[in-house]
All heavy atoms as atom14 arrays in JSON, in Angstrom:
{
  "sequence": "ETFIATEGMYTGAFVYVGKKAQLAVGNVLPLSEMPEGTICCNV",
  "atom14_mask": [
    [1, 1, 1, 1, 1, 1, 1, 1, 1, 0, 0, 0, 0, 0],
    [1, 1, 1, 1, 1, 1, 1, 0, 0, 0, 0, 0, 0, 0],
    [1, 1, 1, 1, 1, 1, 1, 1, 1, 1, 1, 0, 0, 0],
    [1, 1, 1, 1, 1, 1, 1, 1, 0, 0, 0, 0, 0, 0],
    [1, 1, 1, 1, 1, 0, 0, 0, 0, 0, 0, 0, 0, 0],
    [1, 1, 1, 1, 1, 1, 1, 0, 0, 0, 0, 0, 0, 0],
    [1, 1, 1, 1, 1, 1, 1, 1, 1, 0, 0, 0, 0, 0],
    [1, 1, 1, 1, 0, 0, 0, 0, 0, 0, 0, 0, 0, 0],
    [1, 1, 1, 1, 1, 1, 1, 1, 0, 0, 0, 0, 0, 0],
    [1, 1, 1, 1, 1, 1, 1, 1, 1, 1, 1, 1, 0, 0],
    [1, 1, 1, 1, 1, 1, 1, 0, 0, 0, 0, 0, 0, 0],
    [1, 1, 1, 1, 0, 0, 0, 0, 0, 0, 0, 0, 0, 0],
    [1, 1, 1, 1, 1, 0, 0, 0, 0, 0, 0, 0, 0, 0],
    [1, 1, 1, 1, 1, 1, 1, 1, 1, 1, 1, 0, 0, 0],
    [1, 1, 1, 1, 1, 1, 1, 0, 0, 0, 0, 0, 0, 0],
    [1, 1, 1, 1, 1, 1, 1, 1, 1, 1, 1, 1, 0, 0],
    [1, 1, 1, 1, 1, 1, 1, 0, 0, 0, 0, 0, 0, 0],
    [1, 1, 1, 1, 0, 0, 0, 0, 0, 0, 0, 0, 0, 0],
    [1, 1, 1, 1, 1, 1, 1, 1, 1, 0, 0, 0, 0, 0],
    [1, 1, 1, 1, 1, 1, 1, 1, 1, 0, 0, 0, 0, 0],
    [1, 1, 1, 1, 1, 0, 0, 0, 0, 0, 0, 0, 0, 0],
    [1, 1, 1, 1, 1, 1, 1, 1, 1, 0, 0, 0, 0, 0],
    [1, 1, 1, 1, 1, 1, 1, 1, 0, 0, 0, 0, 0, 0],
    [1, 1, 1, 1, 1, 0, 0, 0, 0, 0, 0, 0, 0, 0],
    [1, 1, 1, 1, 1, 1, 1, 0, 0, 0, 0, 0, 0, 0],
    [1, 1, 1, 1, 0, 0, 0, 0, 0, 0, 0, 0, 0, 0],
    [1, 1, 1, 1, 1, 1, 1, 1, 0, 0, 0, 0, 0, 0],
    [1, 1, 1, 1, 1, 1, 1, 0, 0, 0, 0, 0, 0, 0],
    [1, 1, 1, 1, 1, 1, 1, 1, 0, 0, 0, 0, 0, 0],
    [1, 1, 1, 1, 1, 1, 1, 0, 0, 0, 0, 0, 0, 0],
    [1, 1, 1, 1, 1, 1, 1, 1, 0, 0, 0, 0, 0, 0],
    [1, 1, 1, 1, 1, 1, 0, 0, 0, 0, 0, 0, 0, 0],
    [1, 1, 1, 1, 1, 1, 1, 1, 1, 0, 0, 0, 0, 0],
    [1, 1, 1, 1, 1, 1, 1, 1, 0, 0, 0, 0, 0, 0],
    [1, 1, 1, 1, 1, 1, 1, 0, 0, 0, 0, 0, 0, 0],
    [1, 1, 1, 1, 1, 1, 1, 1, 1, 0, 0, 0, 0, 0],
    [1, 1, 1, 1, 0, 0, 0, 0, 0, 0, 0, 0, 0, 0],
    [1, 1, 1, 1, 1, 1, 1, 0, 0, 0, 0, 0, 0, 0],
    [1, 1, 1, 1, 1, 1, 1, 1, 0, 0, 0, 0, 0, 0],
    [1, 1, 1, 1, 1, 1, 0, 0, 0, 0, 0, 0, 0, 0],
    [1, 1, 1, 1, 1, 1, 0, 0, 0, 0, 0, 0, 0, 0],
    [1, 1, 1, 1, 1, 1, 1, 1, 0, 0, 0, 0, 0, 0],
    [1, 1, 1, 1, 1, 1, 1, 0, 0, 0, 0, 0, 0, 0]
  ],
  "atom14_positions": [
    [[11.5, -2.3, -8.95], [11.78, -1.79, -7.61], [11.75, -2.94, -6.62], [11.09, -3.96, -6.85], [10.74, -0.74, -7.2], [10.63, 0.45, -8.13], [11.77, 1.46, -7.95], [12.57, 1.28, -7.0], [11.85, 2.4, -8.75], [0.0, 0.0, 0.0], [0.0, 0.0, 0.0], [0.0, 0.0, 0.0], [0.0, 0.0, 0.0], [0.0, 0.0, 0.0]],
    [[12.46, -2.77, -5.5], [12.44, -3.77, -4.43], [11.71, -3.18, -3.23], [12.22, -2.26, -2.58], [13.88, -4.18, -4.04], [14.58, -4.59, -5.21], [13.85, -5.33, -3.03], [0.0, 0.0, 0.0], [0.0, 0.0, 0.0], [0.0, 0.0, 0.0], [0.0, 0.0, 0.0], [0.0, 0.0, 0.0], [0.0, 0.0, 0.0], [0.0, 0.0, 0.0]],
    [[10.51, -3.69, -2.97], [9.69, -3.24, -1.84], [9.79, -4.24, -0.7], [10.12, -5.41, -0.92], [8.21, -3.14, -2.25], [7.87, -1.97, -3.13], [8.84, -1.09, -3.6], [6.55, -1.72, -3.5], [8.52, -0.02, -4.41], [6.21, -0.66, -4.32], [7.2, 0.19, -4.77], [0.0, 0.0, 0.0], [0.0, 0.0, 0.0], [0.0, 0.0, 0.0]],
    [[9.47, -3.79, 0.51], [9.26, -4.72, 1.62], [7.89, -5.35, 1.43], [6.89, -4.64, 1.27], [9.37, -3.99, 2.97], [10.8, -3.5, 3.19], [8.94, -4.9, 4.12], [10.98, -2.66, 4.42], [0.0, 0.0, 0.0], [0.0, 0.0, 0.0], [0.0, 0.0, 0.0], [0.0, 0.0, 0.0], [0.0, 0.0, 0.0], [0.0, 0.0, 0.0]],
    [[7.85, -6.69, 1.43], [6.59, -7.38, 1.15], [5.62, -7.22, 2.32], [6.01, -7.3, 3.48], [6.85, -8.87, 0.91], [0.0, 0.0, 0.0], [0.0, 0.0, 0.0], [0.0, 0.0, 0.0], [0.0, 0.0, 0.0], [0.0, 0.0, 0.0], [0.0, 0.0, 0.0], [0.0, 0.0, 0.0], [0.0, 0.0, 0.0], [0.0, 0.0, 0.0]],
    [[4.35, -6.97, 1.99], [3.31, -6.9, 3.02], [2.57, -8.23, 3.07], [2.58, -8.99, 2.09], [2.3, -5.77, 2.72], [1.82, -5.92, 1.38], [2.92, -4.42, 2.89], [0.0, 0.0, 0.0], [0.0, 0.0, 0.0], [0.0, 0.0, 0.0], [0.0, 0.0, 0.0], [0.0, 0.0, 0.0], [0.0, 0.0, 0.0], [0.0, 0.0, 0.0]],
    [[1.95, -8.49, 4.21], [1.24, -9.75, 4.4], [0.07, -9.83, 3.42], [-0.73, -8.91, 3.34], [0.74, -9.84, 5.84], [0.59, -11.25, 6.35], [0.52, -11.33, 7.85], [1.59, -11.36, 8.49], [-0.61, -11.31, 8.38], [0.0, 0.0, 0.0], [0.0, 0.0, 0.0], [0.0, 0.0, 0.0], [0.0, 0.0, 0.0], [0.0, 0.0, 0.0]],
    [[0.0, -10.93, 2.67], [-1.05, -11.1, 1.68], [-0.57, -10.83, 0.26], [-1.3, -11.07, -0.71], [0.0, 0.0, 0.0], [0.0, 0.0, 0.0], [0.0, 0.0, 0.0], [0.0, 0.0, 0.0], [0.0, 0.0, 0.0], [0.0, 0.0, 0.0], [0.0, 0.0, 0.0], [0.0, 0.0, 0.0], [0.0, 0.0, 0.0], [0.0, 0.0, 0.0]],
    [[0.66, -10.35, 0.09], [1.21, -10.09, -1.24], [1.62, -11.42, -1.89], [2.05, -12.34, -1.2], [2.42, -9.16, -1.1], [2.8, -8.42, -2.36], [4.16, -7.27, -2.05], [3.27, -5.76, -1.75], [0.0, 0.0, 0.0], [0.0, 0.0, 0.0], [0.0, 0.0, 0.0], [0.0, 0.0, 0.0], [0.0, 0.0, 0.0], [0.0, 0.0, 0.0]],
    [[1.48, -11.54, -3.2], [1.84, -12.77, -3.9], [2.32, -12.42, -5.3], [2.06, -11.32, -5.81], [0.64, -13.73, -3.97], [-0.59, -13.13, -4.62], [-0.83, -13.26, -5.98], [-1.52, -12.41, -3.84], [-1.95, -12.69, -6.57], [-2.65, -11.85, -4.42], [-2.85, -12.0, -5.79], [-3.95, -11.43, -6.37], [0.0, 0.0, 0.0], [0.0, 0.0, 0.0]],
    [[3.03, -13.34, -5.92], [3.54, -13.08, -7.27], [2.37, -12.99, -8.24], [1.43, -13.79, -8.18], [4.5, -14.2, -7.73], [3.86, -15.46, -7.57], [5.78, -14.19, -6.96], [0.0, 0.0, 0.0], [0.0, 0.0, 0.0], [0.0, 0.0, 0.0], [0.0, 0.0, 0.0], [0.0, 0.0, 0.0], [0.0, 0.0, 0.0], [0.0, 0.0, 0.0]],
    [[2.43, -12.0, -9.11], [1.34, -11.75, -10.05], [0.34, -10.74, -9.53], [-0.54, -10.3, -10.28], [0.0, 0.0, 0.0], [0.0, 0.0, 0.0], [0.0, 0.0, 0.0], [0.0, 0.0, 0.0], [0.0, 0.0, 0.0], [0.0, 0.0, 0.0], [0.0, 0.0, 0.0], [0.0, 0.0, 0.0], [0.0, 0.0, 0.0], [0.0, 0.0, 0.0]],
    [[0.45, -10.35, -8.24], [-0.48, -9.36, -7.69], [-0.17, -7.98, -8.26], [0.98, -7.66, -8.55], [-0.38, -9.34, -6.16], [0.0, 0.0, 0.0], [0.0, 0.0, 0.0], [0.0, 0.0, 0.0], [0.0, 0.0, 0.0], [0.0, 0.0, 0.0], [0.0, 0.0, 0.0], [0.0, 0.0, 0.0], [0.0, 0.0, 0.0], [0.0, 0.0, 0.0]],
    [[-1.21, -7.16, -8.39], [-1.01, -5.79, -8.85], [-0.85, -4.87, -7.65], [-1.56, -5.01, -6.64], [-2.2, -5.32, -9.71], [-2.29, -6.04, -11.03], [-3.41, -6.8, -11.35], [-1.25, -5.95, -11.94], [-3.5, -7.46, -12.57], [-1.32, -6.62, -13.16], [-2.44, -7.37, -13.48], [0.0, 0.0, 0.0], [0.0, 0.0, 0.0], [0.0, 0.0, 0.0]],
    [[0.1, -3.95, -7.76], [0.37, -2.97, -6.71], [0.2, -1.58, -7.32], [0.75, -1.3, -8.39], [1.81, -3.15, -6.16], [2.18, -2.02, -5.22], [1.95, -4.49, -5.46], [0.0, 0.0, 0.0], [0.0, 0.0, 0.0], [0.0, 0.0, 0.0], [0.0, 0.0, 0.0], [0.0, 0.0, 0.0], [0.0, 0.0, 0.0], [0.0, 0.0, 0.0]],
    [[-0.57, -0.74, -6.65], [-0.8, 0.62, -7.13], [-0.13, 1.62, -6.19], [-0.27, 1.5, -4.97], [-2.3, 0.9, -7.23], [-3.0, 0.0, -8.22], [-3.53, -1.22, -7.8], [-3.14, 0.36, -9.55], [-4.18, -2.06, -8.71], [-3.79, -0.46, -10.46], [-4.3, -1.67, -10.03], [-4.92, -2.5, -10.93], [0.0, 0.0, 0.0], [0.0, 0.0, 0.0]],
    [[0.6, 2.57, -6.77], [1.29, 3.57, -5.96], [0.89, 4.96, -6.44], [0.75, 5.19, -7.64], [2.83, 3.4, -6.02], [3.25, 2.04, -5.5], [3.36, 3.59, -7.43], [0.0, 0.0, 0.0], [0.0, 0.0, 0.0], [0.0, 0.0, 0.0], [0.0, 0.0, 0.0], [0.0, 0.0, 0.0], [0.0, 0.0, 0.0], [0.0, 0.0, 0.0]],
    [[0.68, 5.87, -5.5], [0.35, 7.24, -5.87], [-0.82, 7.79, -5.08], [-1.51, 7.07, -4.37], [0.0, 0.0, 0.0], [0.0, 0.0, 0.0], [0.0, 0.0, 0.0], [0.0, 0.0, 0.0], [0.0, 0.0, 0.0], [0.0, 0.0, 0.0], [0.0, 0.0, 0.0], [0.0, 0.0, 0.0], [0.0, 0.0, 0.0], [0.0, 0.0, 0.0]],
    [[-1.04, 9.08, -5.25], [-2.09, 9.78, -4.5], [-3.48, 9.23, -4.81], [-4.35, 9.15, -3.94], [-2.03, 11.29, -4.81], [-2.97, 12.11, -3.95], [-2.84, 13.59, -4.25], [-3.78, 14.39, -3.36], [-3.71, 15.83, -3.65], [0.0, 0.0, 0.0], [0.0, 0.0, 0.0], [0.0, 0.0, 0.0], [0.0, 0.0, 0.0], [0.0, 0.0, 0.0]],
    [[-3.71, 8.83, -6.06], [-5.05, 8.37, -6.48], [-5.21, 6.85, -6.33], [-6.22, 6.3, -6.77], [-5.29, 8.78, -7.94], [-5.21, 10.28, -8.21], [-6.48, 10.99, -7.83], [-6.39, 12.49, -8.05], [-6.37, 12.88, -9.46], [0.0, 0.0, 0.0], [0.0, 0.0, 0.0], [0.0, 0.0, 0.0], [0.0, 0.0, 0.0], [0.0, 0.0, 0.0]],
    [[-4.22, 6.18, -5.75], [-4.31, 4.72, -5.6], [-5.4, 4.36, -4.59], [-5.73, 5.13, -3.7], [-2.97, 4.15, -5.15], [0.0, 0.0, 0.0], [0.0, 0.0, 0.0], [0.0, 0.0, 0.0], [0.0, 0.0, 0.0], [0.0, 0.0, 0.0], [0.0, 0.0, 0.0], [0.0, 0.0, 0.0], [0.0, 0.0, 0.0], [0.0, 0.0, 0.0]],
    [[-5.95, 3.17, -4.76], [-7.02, 2.7, -3.88], [-6.44, 2.26, -2.54], [-5.29, 1.82, -2.47], [-7.72, 1.51, -4.56], [-9.01, 1.09, -3.89], [-9.66, -0.08, -4.62], [-9.17, -0.49, -5.66], [-10.73, -0.6, -4.06], [0.0, 0.0, 0.0], [0.0, 0.0, 0.0], [0.0, 0.0, 0.0], [0.0, 0.0, 0.0], [0.0, 0.0, 0.0]],
    [[-7.24, 2.38, -1.48], [-6.81, 1.95, -0.15], [-6.96, 0.43, -0.07], [-8.02, -0.08, 0.29], [-7.64, 2.64, 0.94], [-7.16, 2.41, 2.37], [-5.92, 3.21, 2.65], [-8.26, 2.77, 3.36], [0.0, 0.0, 0.0], [0.0, 0.0, 0.0], [0.0, 0.0, 0.0], [0.0, 0.0, 0.0], [0.0, 0.0, 0.0], [0.0, 0.0, 0.0]],
    [[-5.89, -0.28, -0.43], [-5.9, -1.75, -0.4], [-4.53, -2.24, 0.03], [-3.52, -1.53, -0.15], [-6.25, -2.31, -1.78], [0.0, 0.0, 0.0], [0.0, 0.0, 0.0], [0.0, 0.0, 0.0], [0.0, 0.0, 0.0], [0.0, 0.0, 0.0], [0.0, 0.0, 0.0], [0.0, 0.0, 0.0], [0.0, 0.0, 0.0], [0.0, 0.0, 0.0]],
    [[-4.48, -3.42, 0.61], [-3.23, -3.96, 1.15], [-2.17, -4.06, 0.06], [-2.43, -4.58, -1.03], [-3.47, -5.35, 1.79], [-2.16, -6.01, 2.17], [-4.37, -5.22, 3.01], [0.0, 0.0, 0.0], [0.0, 0.0, 0.0], [0.0, 0.0, 0.0], [0.0, 0.0, 0.0], [0.0, 0.0, 0.0], [0.0, 0.0, 0.0], [0.0, 0.0, 0.0]],
    [[-0.99, -3.53, 0.35], [0.12, -3.56, -0.59], [0.29, -2.29, -1.38], [1.36, -2.06, -1.97], [0.0, 0.0, 0.0], [0.0, 0.0, 0.0], [0.0, 0.0, 0.0], [0.0, 0.0, 0.0], [0.0, 0.0, 0.0], [0.0, 0.0, 0.0], [0.0, 0.0, 0.0], [0.0, 0.0, 0.0], [0.0, 0.0, 0.0], [0.0, 0.0, 0.0]],
    [[-0.76, -1.43, -1.44], [-0.68, -0.19, -2.19], [0.05, 0.89, -1.39], [0.04, 0.88, -0.16], [-2.07, 0.31, -2.58], [-2.73, -0.57, -3.61], [-2.12, -1.52, -4.1], [-3.96, -0.29, -3.95], [0.0, 0.0, 0.0], [0.0, 0.0, 0.0], [0.0, 0.0, 0.0], [0.0, 0.0, 0.0], [0.0, 0.0, 0.0], [0.0, 0.0, 0.0]],
    [[0.67, 1.81, -2.11], [1.46, 2.89, -1.49], [0.73, 4.21, -1.71], [0.48, 4.6, -2.85], [2.89, 2.95, -2.07], [3.69, 4.07, -1.43], [3.59, 1.61, -1.88], [0.0, 0.0, 0.0], [0.0, 0.0, 0.0], [0.0, 0.0, 0.0], [0.0, 0.0, 0.0], [0.0, 0.0, 0.0], [0.0, 0.0, 0.0], [0.0, 0.0, 0.0]],
    [[0.38, 4.89, -0.6], [-0.36, 6.15, -0.67], [0.28, 7.17, 0.26], [0.98, 6.8, 1.21], [-1.81, 5.95, -0.21], [-2.81, 5.15, -1.02], [-2.63, 3.67, -0.82], [-4.21, 5.55, -0.61], [0.0, 0.0, 0.0], [0.0, 0.0, 0.0], [0.0, 0.0, 0.0], [0.0, 0.0, 0.0], [0.0, 0.0, 0.0], [0.0, 0.0, 0.0]],
    [[0.0, 8.47, 0.02], [0.37, 9.47, 1.03], [-0.48, 9.26, 2.28], [-1.62, 8.8, 2.21], [0.03, 10.81, 0.36], [-0.16, 10.5, -1.09], [-0.57, 9.07, -1.18], [0.0, 0.0, 0.0], [0.0, 0.0, 0.0], [0.0, 0.0, 0.0], [0.0, 0.0, 0.0], [0.0, 0.0, 0.0], [0.0, 0.0, 0.0], [0.0, 0.0, 0.0]],
    [[0.07, 9.59, 3.44], [-0.66, 9.38, 4.7], [-1.96, 10.19, 4.73], [-2.93, 9.79, 5.36], [0.22, 9.76, 5.89], [1.5, 8.93, 6.07], [2.23, 9.38, 7.33], [1.21, 7.44, 6.13], [0.0, 0.0, 0.0], [0.0, 0.0, 0.0], [0.0, 0.0, 0.0], [0.0, 0.0, 0.0], [0.0, 0.0, 0.0], [0.0, 0.0, 0.0]],
    [[-1.97, 11.33, 4.02], [-3.17, 12.17, 4.01], [-4.36, 11.46, 3.38], [-5.51, 11.8, 3.64], [-2.89, 13.48, 3.25], [-2.48, 13.19, 1.92], [0.0, 0.0, 0.0], [0.0, 0.0, 0.0], [0.0, 0.0, 0.0], [0.0, 0.0, 0.0], [0.0, 0.0, 0.0], [0.0, 0.0, 0.0], [0.0, 0.0, 0.0], [0.0, 0.0, 0.0]],
    [[-4.1, 10.45, 2.52], [-5.18, 9.71, 1.85], [-5.65, 8.49, 2.64], [-6.54, 7.78, 2.21], [-4.7, 9.26, 0.45], [-4.24, 10.39, -0.46], [-5.33, 11.43, -0.7], [-6.46, 11.03, -1.01], [-5.03, 12.64, -0.57], [0.0, 0.0, 0.0], [0.0, 0.0, 0.0], [0.0, 0.0, 0.0], [0.0, 0.0, 0.0], [0.0, 0.0, 0.0]],
    [[-5.0, 8.24, 3.79], [-5.4, 7.09, 4.61], [-6.27, 7.58, 5.77], [-5.87, 8.51, 6.48], [-4.16, 6.38, 5.19], [-3.21, 5.82, 4.17], [-1.86, 4.94, 4.97], [-0.73, 4.72, 3.61], [0.0, 0.0, 0.0], [0.0, 0.0, 0.0], [0.0, 0.0, 0.0], [0.0, 0.0, 0.0], [0.0, 0.0, 0.0], [0.0, 0.0, 0.0]],
    [[-7.44, 6.99, 5.99], [-8.28, 7.43, 7.11], [-7.68, 7.03, 8.46], [-6.78, 6.19, 8.53], [-9.6, 6.7, 6.86], [-9.25, 5.55, 5.98], [-8.06, 5.95, 5.18], [0.0, 0.0, 0.0], [0.0, 0.0, 0.0], [0.0, 0.0, 0.0], [0.0, 0.0, 0.0], [0.0, 0.0, 0.0], [0.0, 0.0, 0.0], [0.0, 0.0, 0.0]],
    [[-8.2, 7.64, 9.52], [-7.74, 7.31, 10.87], [-7.97, 5.84, 11.16], [-9.0, 5.28, 10.8], [-8.47, 8.17, 11.9], [-8.06, 9.63, 11.87], [-8.8, 10.46, 12.9], [-9.3, 9.87, 13.88], [-8.89, 11.69, 12.72], [0.0, 0.0, 0.0], [0.0, 0.0, 0.0], [0.0, 0.0, 0.0], [0.0, 0.0, 0.0], [0.0, 0.0, 0.0]],
    [[-7.0, 5.23, 11.85], [-7.11, 3.82, 12.19], [-6.5, 2.89, 11.16], [-6.45, 1.67, 11.37], [0.0, 0.0, 0.0], [0.0, 0.0, 0.0], [0.0, 0.0, 0.0], [0.0, 0.0, 0.0], [0.0, 0.0, 0.0], [0.0, 0.0, 0.0], [0.0, 0.0, 0.0], [0.0, 0.0, 0.0], [0.0, 0.0, 0.0], [0.0, 0.0, 0.0]],
    [[-6.01, 3.44, 10.03], [-5.41, 2.59, 9.0], [-4.1, 1.99, 9.5], [-3.29, 2.67, 10.12], [-5.15, 3.41, 7.72], [-6.36, 4.0, 7.29], [-4.59, 2.55, 6.61], [0.0, 0.0, 0.0], [0.0, 0.0, 0.0], [0.0, 0.0, 0.0], [0.0, 0.0, 0.0], [0.0, 0.0, 0.0], [0.0, 0.0, 0.0], [0.0, 0.0, 0.0]],
    [[-3.9, 0.71, 9.21], [-2.65, 0.01, 9.52], [-1.73, 0.17, 8.31], [-2.12, -0.16, 7.19], [-2.92, -1.49, 9.79], [-3.88, -1.68, 10.96], [-1.63, -2.24, 10.01], [-3.36, -1.24, 12.29], [0.0, 0.0, 0.0], [0.0, 0.0, 0.0], [0.0, 0.0, 0.0], [0.0, 0.0, 0.0], [0.0, 0.0, 0.0], [0.0, 0.0, 0.0]],
    [[-0.52, 0.67, 8.55], [0.41, 0.86, 7.44], [1.83, 0.5, 7.88], [2.09, 0.32, 9.07], [0.35, 2.3, 6.92], [0.66, 3.54, 8.18], [0.0, 0.0, 0.0], [0.0, 0.0, 0.0], [0.0, 0.0, 0.0], [0.0, 0.0, 0.0], [0.0, 0.0, 0.0], [0.0, 0.0, 0.0], [0.0, 0.0, 0.0], [0.0, 0.0, 0.0]],
    [[2.72, 0.38, 6.91], [4.1, 0.02, 7.22], [5.03, 0.71, 6.22], [4.57, 1.33, 5.27], [4.29, -1.49, 7.18], [3.97, -2.22, 5.56], [0.0, 0.0, 0.0], [0.0, 0.0, 0.0], [0.0, 0.0, 0.0], [0.0, 0.0, 0.0], [0.0, 0.0, 0.0], [0.0, 0.0, 0.0], [0.0, 0.0, 0.0], [0.0, 0.0, 0.0]],
    [[6.33, 0.58, 6.45], [7.35, 1.22, 5.6], [7.0, 2.69, 5.33], [6.93, 3.14, 4.19], [7.51, 0.46, 4.28], [8.81, 0.78, 3.58], [9.72, 1.37, 4.17], [8.91, 0.44, 2.32], [0.0, 0.0, 0.0], [0.0, 0.0, 0.0], [0.0, 0.0, 0.0], [0.0, 0.0, 0.0], [0.0, 0.0, 0.0], [0.0, 0.0, 0.0]],
    [[6.78, 3.43, 6.42], [6.33, 4.82, 6.34], [7.54, 5.74, 6.23], [8.57, 5.5, 6.87], [5.49, 5.17, 7.59], [5.0, 6.6, 7.53], [4.32, 4.22, 7.75], [0.0, 0.0, 0.0], [0.0, 0.0, 0.0], [0.0, 0.0, 0.0], [0.0, 0.0, 0.0], [0.0, 0.0, 0.0], [0.0, 0.0, 0.0], [0.0, 0.0, 0.0]]
  ]
}
């Protein structure tokens, strides 16, 4: 897949996508799983 790169992403980094993914930079989650004040992009 071709994603928009987030700041801090690098080759070889692991990216987790899905409802059960951890809240970490570069991961893709539903907005309901992000707490208030979370910075996100490509929404």
